[in-house]
Amino acid sequence: RLPAINVGLRQRGRLCAANVRSVEAGVEAIVDAVVEALKPEVRDALAALENPYGDGRASERIARVLRELPDRQTLLMKRPMPV
């Protein structure tokens, strides 16, 4: 819920949250974006920001799935295909 600034074109077309502002890679554009990001009303507007990337618990879910997988040897064993 903090303002963020993407500088340049590298992130163009990617999903981003409402707190992200993309600007050209020029001094004036960057300074203007920083000045805007530092305004209290900008920070206040981000208080109810929804994260477009999920709930922040993906690593916990991934770790759980990995813990529950069969052992490596079992995973490597091929099974006959049904006919």
PDB file of N, CA and C in Angstrom:
ATOM      1  N   ARG A   1       0.813  -1.193   0.000  1.00  0.00           N
ATOM      2  CA  ARG A   1       0.000   0.000   0.000  1.00  0.00           C
ATOM      3  C   ARG A   1       0.862   1.266   0.000  1.00  0.00           C
ATOM      4  N   LEU A   2       2.009   1.146  -0.651  1.00  0.00           N
ATOM      5  CA  LEU A   2       2.892   2.283  -0.840  1.00  0.00           C
ATOM      6  C   LEU A   2       2.942   2.639  -2.319  1.00  0.00           C
ATOM      7  N   PRO A   3       3.124   3.908  -2.641  1.00  0.00           N
ATOM      8  CA  PRO A   3       3.285   4.271  -4.046  1.00  0.00           C
ATOM      9  C   PRO A   3       4.546   3.621  -4.610  1.00  0.00           C
ATOM     10  N   ALA A   4       4.471   3.214  -5.861  1.00  0.00           N
ATOM     11  CA  ALA A   4       5.626   2.629  -6.545  1.00  0.00           C
ATOM     12  C   ALA A   4       5.715   3.232  -7.940  1.00  0.00           C
ATOM     13  N   ILE A   5       6.935   3.311  -8.443  1.00  0.00           N
ATOM     14  CA  ILE A   5       7.152   3.909  -9.761  1.00  0.00           C
ATOM     15  C   ILE A   5       7.958   2.949 -10.619  1.00  0.00           C
ATOM     16  N   ASN A   6       7.405   2.590 -11.766  1.00  0.00           N
ATOM     17  CA  ASN A   6       8.141   1.819 -12.774  1.00  0.00           C
ATOM     18  C   ASN A   6       8.749   2.816 -13.738  1.00  0.00           C
ATOM     19  N   VAL A   7      10.054   2.718 -13.923  1.00  0.00           N
ATOM     20  CA  VAL A   7      10.748   3.636 -14.820  1.00  0.00           C
ATOM     21  C   VAL A   7      11.110   2.898 -16.098  1.00  0.00           C
ATOM     22  N   GLY A   8      10.704   3.446 -17.222  1.00  0.00           N
ATOM     23  CA  GLY A   8      11.033   2.852 -18.510  1.00  0.00           C
ATOM     24  C   GLY A   8       9.965   1.889 -18.984  1.00  0.00           C
ATOM     25  N   LEU A   9      10.294   1.148 -20.031  1.00  0.00           N
ATOM     26  CA  LEU A   9       9.312   0.309 -20.725  1.00  0.00           C
ATOM     27  C   LEU A   9       9.322  -1.155 -20.303  1.00  0.00           C
ATOM     28  N   ARG A  10      10.268  -1.575 -19.489  1.00  0.00           N
ATOM     29  CA  ARG A  10      10.445  -3.002 -19.197  1.00  0.00           C
ATOM     30  C   ARG A  10       9.183  -3.695 -18.675  1.00  0.00           C
ATOM     31  N   GLN A  11       8.369  -3.016 -17.879  1.00  0.00           N
ATOM     32  CA  GLN A  11       7.182  -3.634 -17.276  1.00  0.00           C
ATOM     33  C   GLN A  11       5.900  -3.392 -18.089  1.00  0.00           C
ATOM     34  N   ARG A  12       6.032  -2.744 -19.232  1.00  0.00           N
ATOM     35  CA  ARG A  12       4.847  -2.426 -20.043  1.00  0.00           C
ATOM     36  C   ARG A  12       4.060  -3.693 -20.369  1.00  0.00           C
ATOM     37  N   GLY A  13       2.749  -3.614 -20.188  1.00  0.00           N
ATOM     38  CA  GLY A  13       1.872  -4.727 -20.519  1.00  0.00           C
ATOM     39  C   GLY A  13       1.703  -5.752 -19.410  1.00  0.00           C
ATOM     40  N   ARG A  14       2.445  -5.603 -18.321  1.00  0.00           N
ATOM     41  CA  ARG A  14       2.322  -6.553 -17.215  1.00  0.00           C
ATOM     42  C   ARG A  14       1.273  -6.083 -16.218  1.00  0.00           C
ATOM     43  N   LEU A  15       0.696  -7.051 -15.533  1.00  0.00           N
ATOM     44  CA  LEU A  15      -0.263  -6.749 -14.480  1.00  0.00           C
ATOM     45  C   LEU A  15       0.428  -5.936 -13.395  1.00  0.00           C
ATOM     46  N   CYS A  16      -0.240  -4.906 -12.908  1.00  0.00           N
ATOM     47  CA  CYS A  16       0.313  -4.143 -11.788  1.00  0.00           C
ATOM     48  C   CYS A  16      -0.838  -3.615 -10.936  1.00  0.00           C
ATOM     49  N   ALA A  17      -0.515  -3.368  -9.687  1.00  0.00           N
ATOM     50  CA  ALA A  17      -1.508  -2.864  -8.747  1.00  0.00           C
ATOM     51  C   ALA A  17      -1.747  -1.373  -9.001  1.00  0.00           C
ATOM     52  N   ALA A  18      -2.784  -0.852  -8.396  1.00  0.00           N
ATOM     53  CA  ALA A  18      -3.153   0.551  -8.579  1.00  0.00           C
ATOM     54  C   ALA A  18      -2.139   1.516  -7.960  1.00  0.00           C
ATOM     55  N   ASN A  19      -1.237   1.013  -7.136  1.00  0.00           N
ATOM     56  CA  ASN A  19      -0.244   1.887  -6.524  1.00  0.00           C
ATOM     57  C   ASN A  19       0.959   2.134  -7.433  1.00  0.00           C
ATOM     58  N   VAL A  20       0.996   1.479  -8.582  1.00  0.00           N
ATOM     59  CA  VAL A  20       2.140   1.573  -9.477  1.00  0.00           C
ATOM     60  C   VAL A  20       1.871   2.597 -10.573  1.00  0.00           C
ATOM     61  N   ARG A  21       2.826   3.498 -10.722  1.00  0.00           N
ATOM     62  CA  ARG A  21       2.756   4.481 -11.802  1.00  0.00           C
ATOM     63  C   ARG A  21       3.944   4.243 -12.717  1.00  0.00           C
ATOM     64  N   SER A  22       3.708   4.136 -14.001  1.00  0.00           N
ATOM     65  CA  SER A  22       4.783   3.930 -14.976  1.00  0.00           C
ATOM     66  C   SER A  22       5.116   5.259 -15.635  1.00  0.00           C
ATOM     67  N   VAL A  23       6.418   5.537 -15.722  1.00  0.00           N
ATOM     68  CA  VAL A  23       6.866   6.795 -16.324  1.00  0.00           C
ATOM     69  C   VAL A  23       8.016   6.514 -17.287  1.00  0.00           C
ATOM     70  N   GLU A  24       8.236   7.456 -18.171  1.00  0.00           N
ATOM     71  CA  GLU A  24       9.362   7.363 -19.096  1.00  0.00           C
ATOM     72  C   GLU A  24      10.668   7.474 -18.321  1.00  0.00           C
ATOM     73  N   ALA A  25      11.736   7.019 -18.929  1.00  0.00           N
ATOM     74  CA  ALA A  25      13.047   7.045 -18.278  1.00  0.00           C
ATOM     75  C   ALA A  25      13.726   8.397 -18.489  1.00  0.00           C
ATOM     76  N   GLY A  26      13.071   9.448 -18.046  1.00  0.00           N
ATOM     77  CA  GLY A  26      13.633  10.783 -18.126  1.00  0.00           C
ATOM     78  C   GLY A  26      13.594  11.448 -16.759  1.00  0.00           C
ATOM     79  N   VAL A  27      14.544  12.313 -16.500  1.00  0.00           N
ATOM     80  CA  VAL A  27      14.660  12.947 -15.189  1.00  0.00           C
ATOM     81  C   VAL A  27      13.372  13.660 -14.790  1.00  0.00           C
ATOM     82  N   GLU A  28      12.812  14.445 -15.671  1.00  0.00           N
ATOM     83  CA  GLU A  28      11.614  15.228 -15.337  1.00  0.00           C
ATOM     84  C   GLU A  28      10.431  14.310 -14.999  1.00  0.00           C
ATOM     85  N   ALA A  29      10.227  13.273 -15.778  1.00  0.00           N
ATOM     86  CA  ALA A  29       9.114  12.349 -15.525  1.00  0.00           C
ATOM     87  C   ALA A  29       9.291  11.634 -14.191  1.00  0.00           C
ATOM     88  N   ILE A  30      10.519  11.240 -13.887  1.00  0.00           N
ATOM     89  CA  ILE A  30      10.788  10.537 -12.628  1.00  0.00           C
ATOM     90  C   ILE A  30      10.572  11.462 -11.441  1.00  0.00           C
ATOM     91  N   VAL A  31      11.101  12.683 -11.519  1.00  0.00           N
ATOM     92  CA  VAL A  31      10.934  13.648 -10.425  1.00  0.00           C
ATOM     93  C   VAL A  31       9.459  13.946 -10.209  1.00  0.00           C
ATOM     94  N   ASP A  32       8.714  14.180 -11.284  1.00  0.00           N
ATOM     95  CA  ASP A  32       7.274  14.454 -11.160  1.00  0.00           C
ATOM     96  C   ASP A  32       6.549  13.291 -10.481  1.00  0.00           C
ATOM     97  N   ALA A  33       6.905  12.065 -10.842  1.00  0.00           N
ATOM     98  CA  ALA A  33       6.261  10.891 -10.250  1.00  0.00           C
ATOM     99  C   ALA A  33       6.587  10.766  -8.772  1.00  0.00           C
ATOM    100  N   VAL A  34       7.818  11.044  -8.388  1.00  0.00           N
ATOM    101  CA  VAL A  34       8.213  10.982  -6.973  1.00  0.00           C
ATOM    102  C   VAL A  34       7.487  12.051  -6.177  1.00  0.00           C
ATOM    103  N   VAL A  35       7.431  13.261  -6.706  1.00  0.00           N
ATOM    104  CA  VAL A  35       6.720  14.346  -6.020  1.00  0.00           C
ATOM    105  C   VAL A  35       5.259  13.965  -5.813  1.00  0.00           C
ATOM    106  N   GLU A  36       4.628  13.404  -6.835  1.00  0.00           N
ATOM    107  CA  GLU A  36       3.231  12.972  -6.739  1.00  0.00           C
ATOM    108  C   GLU A  36       3.084  11.861  -5.697  1.00  0.00           C
ATOM    109  N   ALA A  37       3.996  10.883  -5.721  1.00  0.00           N
ATOM    110  CA  ALA A  37       3.923   9.742  -4.797  1.00  0.00           C
ATOM    111  C   ALA A  37       4.065  10.165  -3.341  1.00  0.00           C
ATOM    112  N   LEU A  38       4.741  11.269  -3.094  1.00  0.00           N
ATOM    113  CA  LEU A  38       4.959  11.729  -1.721  1.00  0.00           C
ATOM    114  C   LEU A  38       3.792  12.530  -1.142  1.00  0.00           C
ATOM    115  N   LYS A  39       2.794  12.813  -1.945  1.00  0.00           N
ATOM    116  CA  LYS A  39       1.639  13.570  -1.461  1.00  0.00           C
ATOM    117  C   LYS A  39       0.799  12.705  -0.526  1.00  0.00           C
ATOM    118  N   PRO A  40       0.404  13.260   0.619  1.00  0.00           N
ATOM    119  CA  PRO A  40      -0.388  12.490   1.588  1.00  0.00           C
ATOM    120  C   PRO A  40      -1.687  11.932   0.995  1.00  0.00           C
ATOM    121  N   GLU A  41      -2.330  12.667   0.127  1.00  0.00           N
ATOM    122  CA  GLU A  41      -3.596  12.189  -0.439  1.00  0.00           C
ATOM    123  C   GLU A  41      -3.393  10.959  -1.330  1.00  0.00           C
ATOM    124  N   VAL A  42      -2.215  10.841  -1.926  1.00  0.00           N
ATOM    125  CA  VAL A  42      -1.911   9.653  -2.732  1.00  0.00           C
ATOM    126  C   VAL A  42      -1.791   8.452  -1.811  1.00  0.00           C
ATOM    127  N   ARG A  43      -1.046   8.603  -0.712  1.00  0.00           N
ATOM    128  CA  ARG A  43      -0.916   7.509   0.267  1.00  0.00           C
ATOM    129  C   ARG A  43      -2.274   7.139   0.849  1.00  0.00           C
ATOM    130  N   ASP A  44      -3.086   8.143   1.186  1.00  0.00           N
ATOM    131  CA  ASP A  44      -4.408   7.885   1.760  1.00  0.00           C
ATOM    132  C   ASP A  44      -5.286   7.098   0.787  1.00  0.00           C
ATOM    133  N   ALA A  45      -5.179   7.408  -0.503  1.00  0.00           N
ATOM    134  CA  ALA A  45      -5.997   6.737  -1.511  1.00  0.00           C
ATOM    135  C   ALA A  45      -5.626   5.263  -1.654  1.00  0.00           C
ATOM    136  N   LEU A  46      -4.444   4.885  -1.182  1.00  0.00           N
ATOM    137  CA  LEU A  46      -3.994   3.496  -1.314  1.00  0.00           C
ATOM    138  C   LEU A  46      -4.375   2.626  -0.121  1.00  0.00           C
ATOM    139  N   ALA A  47      -5.045   3.200   0.862  1.00  0.00           N
ATOM    140  CA  ALA A  47      -5.386   2.466   2.083  1.00  0.00           C
ATOM    141  C   ALA A  47      -6.247   1.229   1.797  1.00  0.00           C
ATOM    142  N   ALA A  48      -7.108   1.305   0.812  1.00  0.00           N
ATOM    143  CA  ALA A  48      -8.004   0.182   0.511  1.00  0.00           C
ATOM    144  C   ALA A  48      -7.543  -0.600  -0.716  1.00  0.00           C
ATOM    145  N   LEU A  49      -6.287  -0.463  -1.081  1.00  0.00           N
ATOM    146  CA  LEU A  49      -5.746  -1.116  -2.268  1.00  0.00           C
ATOM    147  C   LEU A  49      -5.874  -2.635  -2.183  1.00  0.00           C
ATOM    148  N   GLU A  50      -6.350  -3.240  -3.261  1.00  0.00           N
ATOM    149  CA  GLU A  50      -6.422  -4.696  -3.344  1.00  0.00           C
ATOM    150  C   GLU A  50      -5.233  -5.199  -4.144  1.00  0.00           C
ATOM    151  N   ASN A  51      -4.579  -6.218  -3.636  1.00  0.00           N
ATOM    152  CA  ASN A  51      -3.407  -6.784  -4.272  1.00  0.00           C
ATOM    153  C   ASN A  51      -3.840  -7.678  -5.440  1.00  0.00           C
ATOM    154  N   PRO A  52      -3.435  -7.365  -6.672  1.00  0.00           N
ATOM    155  CA  PRO A  52      -3.848  -8.189  -7.815  1.00  0.00           C
ATOM    156  C   PRO A  52      -3.073  -9.502  -7.910  1.00  0.00           C
ATOM    157  N   TYR A  53      -2.074  -9.692  -7.053  1.00  0.00           N
ATOM    158  CA  TYR A  53      -1.224 -10.876  -7.118  1.00  0.00           C
ATOM    159  C   TYR A  53      -1.650 -11.970  -6.156  1.00  0.00           C
ATOM    160  N   GLY A  54      -2.721 -11.785  -5.427  1.00  0.00           N
ATOM    161  CA  GLY A  54      -3.166 -12.813  -4.492  1.00  0.00           C
ATOM    162  C   GLY A  54      -3.084 -12.328  -3.060  1.00  0.00           C
ATOM    163  N   ASP A  55      -3.105 -13.293  -2.138  1.00  0.00           N
ATOM    164  CA  ASP A  55      -3.186 -12.943  -0.717  1.00  0.00           C
ATOM    165  C   ASP A  55      -1.838 -12.956   0.002  1.00  0.00           C
ATOM    166  N   GLY A  56      -0.742 -13.187  -0.716  1.00  0.00           N
ATOM    167  CA  GLY A  56       0.572 -13.182  -0.097  1.00  0.00           C
ATOM    168  C   GLY A  56       0.941 -14.485   0.593  1.00  0.00           C
ATOM    169  N   ARG A  57       0.156 -15.533   0.394  1.00  0.00           N
ATOM    170  CA  ARG A  57       0.410 -16.801   1.078  1.00  0.00           C
ATOM    171  C   ARG A  57       0.763 -17.933   0.113  1.00  0.00           C
ATOM    172  N   ALA A  58       1.148 -17.580  -1.101  1.00  0.00           N
ATOM    173  CA  ALA A  58       1.465 -18.602  -2.104  1.00  0.00           C
ATOM    174  C   ALA A  58       2.614 -19.490  -1.655  1.00  0.00           C
ATOM    175  N   SER A  59       3.653 -18.913  -1.057  1.00  0.00           N
ATOM    176  CA  SER A  59       4.804 -19.734  -0.665  1.00  0.00           C
ATOM    177  C   SER A  59       4.414 -20.784   0.372  1.00  0.00           C
ATOM    178  N   GLU A  60       3.509 -20.448   1.273  1.00  0.00           N
ATOM    179  CA  GLU A  60       3.042 -21.427   2.259  1.00  0.00           C
ATOM    180  C   GLU A  60       2.312 -22.578   1.578  1.00  0.00           C
ATOM    181  N   ARG A  61       1.460 -22.246   0.610  1.00  0.00           N
ATOM    182  CA  ARG A  61       0.716 -23.285  -0.096  1.00  0.00           C
ATOM    183  C   ARG A  61       1.652 -24.168  -0.922  1.00  0.00           C
ATOM    184  N   ILE A  62       2.626 -23.556  -1.575  1.00  0.00           N
ATOM    185  CA  ILE A  62       3.591 -24.323  -2.375  1.00  0.00           C
ATOM    186  C   ILE A  62       4.380 -25.268  -1.467  1.00  0.00           C
ATOM    187  N   ALA A  63       4.850 -24.760  -0.325  1.00  0.00           N
ATOM    188  CA  ALA A  63       5.620 -25.591   0.614  1.00  0.00           C
ATOM    189  C   ALA A  63       4.780 -26.773   1.100  1.00  0.00           C
ATOM    190  N   ARG A  64       3.508 -26.545   1.378  1.00  0.00           N
ATOM    191  CA  ARG A  64       2.627 -27.625   1.838  1.00  0.00           C
ATOM    192  C   ARG A  64       2.492 -28.700   0.763  1.00  0.00           C
ATOM    193  N   VAL A  65       2.269 -28.289  -0.472  1.00  0.00           N
ATOM    194  CA  VAL A  65       2.133 -29.255  -1.568  1.00  0.00           C
ATOM    195  C   VAL A  65       3.424 -30.051  -1.730  1.00  0.00           C
ATOM    196  N   LEU A  66       4.560 -29.385  -1.662  1.00  0.00           N
ATOM    197  CA  LEU A  66       5.834 -30.088  -1.807  1.00  0.00           C
ATOM    198  C   LEU A  66       6.061 -31.079  -0.673  1.00  0.00           C
ATOM    199  N   ARG A  67       5.674 -30.726   0.548  1.00  0.00           N
ATOM    200  CA  ARG A  67       5.810 -31.643   1.686  1.00  0.00           C
ATOM    201  C   ARG A  67       4.944 -32.881   1.512  1.00  0.00           C
ATOM    202  N   GLU A  68       3.792 -32.721   0.865  1.00  0.00           N
ATOM    203  CA  GLU A  68       2.841 -33.816   0.733  1.00  0.00           C
ATOM    204  C   GLU A  68       3.087 -34.699  -0.494  1.00  0.00           C
ATOM    205  N   LEU A  69       4.039 -34.337  -1.327  1.00  0.00           N
ATOM    206  CA  LEU A  69       4.341 -35.153  -2.503  1.00  0.00           C
ATOM    207  C   LEU A  69       4.946 -36.486  -2.085  1.00  0.00           C
ATOM    208  N   PRO A  70       4.732 -37.509  -2.902  1.00  0.00           N
ATOM    209  CA  PRO A  70       5.410 -38.778  -2.627  1.00  0.00           C
ATOM    210  C   PRO A  70       6.928 -38.576  -2.720  1.00  0.00           C
ATOM    211  N   ASP A  71       7.692 -39.527  -2.187  1.00  0.00           N
ATOM    212  CA  ASP A  71       9.147 -39.403  -2.236  1.00  0.00           C
ATOM    213  C   ASP A  71       9.637 -39.454  -3.682  1.00  0.00           C
ATOM    214  N   ARG A  72      10.853 -39.020  -3.888  1.00  0.00           N
ATOM    215  CA  ARG A  72      11.430 -38.901  -5.228  1.00  0.00           C
ATOM    216  C   ARG A  72      11.391 -40.226  -5.988  1.00  0.00           C
ATOM    217  N   GLN A  73      11.751 -41.321  -5.342  1.00  0.00           N
ATOM    218  CA  GLN A  73      11.790 -42.618  -6.011  1.00  0.00           C
ATOM    219  C   GLN A  73      10.405 -43.006  -6.539  1.00  0.00           C
ATOM    220  N   THR A  74       9.391 -42.761  -5.752  1.00  0.00           N
ATOM    221  CA  THR A  74       8.020 -43.061  -6.181  1.00  0.00           C
ATOM    222  C   THR A  74       7.636 -42.203  -7.384  1.00  0.00           C
ATOM    223  N   LEU A  75       8.011 -40.958  -7.360  1.00  0.00           N
ATOM    224  CA  LEU A  75       7.678 -40.063  -8.472  1.00  0.00           C
ATOM    225  C   LEU A  75       8.380 -40.477  -9.766  1.00  0.00           C
ATOM    226  N   LEU A  76       9.568 -41.068  -9.643  1.00  0.00           N
ATOM    227  CA  LEU A  76      10.330 -41.432 -10.830  1.00  0.00           C
ATOM    228  C   LEU A  76       9.881 -42.751 -11.454  1.00  0.00           C
ATOM    229  N   MET A  77       9.146 -43.556 -10.720  1.00  0.00           N
ATOM    230  CA  MET A  77       8.700 -44.847 -11.228  1.00  0.00           C
ATOM    231  C   MET A  77       7.583 -44.649 -12.261  1.00  0.00           C
ATOM    232  N   LYS A  78       7.791 -45.240 -13.423  1.00  0.00           N
ATOM    233  CA  LYS A  78       6.784 -45.158 -14.491  1.00  0.00           C
ATOM    234  C   LYS A  78       5.724 -46.222 -14.264  1.00  0.00           C
ATOM    235  N   ARG A  79       4.497 -45.883 -14.570  1.00  0.00           N
ATOM    236  CA  ARG A  79       3.397 -46.838 -14.448  1.00  0.00           C
ATOM    237  C   ARG A  79       2.932 -47.208 -15.845  1.00  0.00           C
ATOM    238  N   PRO A  80       2.479 -48.461 -16.036  1.00  0.00           N
ATOM    239  CA  PRO A  80       1.965 -48.847 -17.361  1.00  0.00           C
ATOM    240  C   PRO A  80       0.739 -48.023 -17.708  1.00  0.00           C
ATOM    241  N   MET A  81       0.623 -47.695 -18.974  1.00  0.00           N
ATOM    242  CA  MET A  81      -0.536 -46.947 -19.463  1.00  0.00           C
ATOM    243  C   MET A  81      -1.702 -47.907 -19.621  1.00  0.00           C
ATOM    244  N   PRO A  82      -2.926 -47.494 -19.262  1.00  0.00           N
ATOM    245  CA  PRO A  82      -4.093 -48.355 -19.485  1.00  0.00           C
ATOM    246  C   PRO A  82      -4.316 -48.521 -21.010  1.00  0.00           C
ATOM    247  N   VAL A  83      -4.806 -49.681 -21.368  1.00  0.00           N
ATOM    248  CA  VAL A  83      -5.031 -49.958 -22.795  1.00  0.00           C
ATOM    249  C   VAL A  83      -6.448 -49.641 -23.182  1.00  0.00           C
TER     250      VAL A  83
END
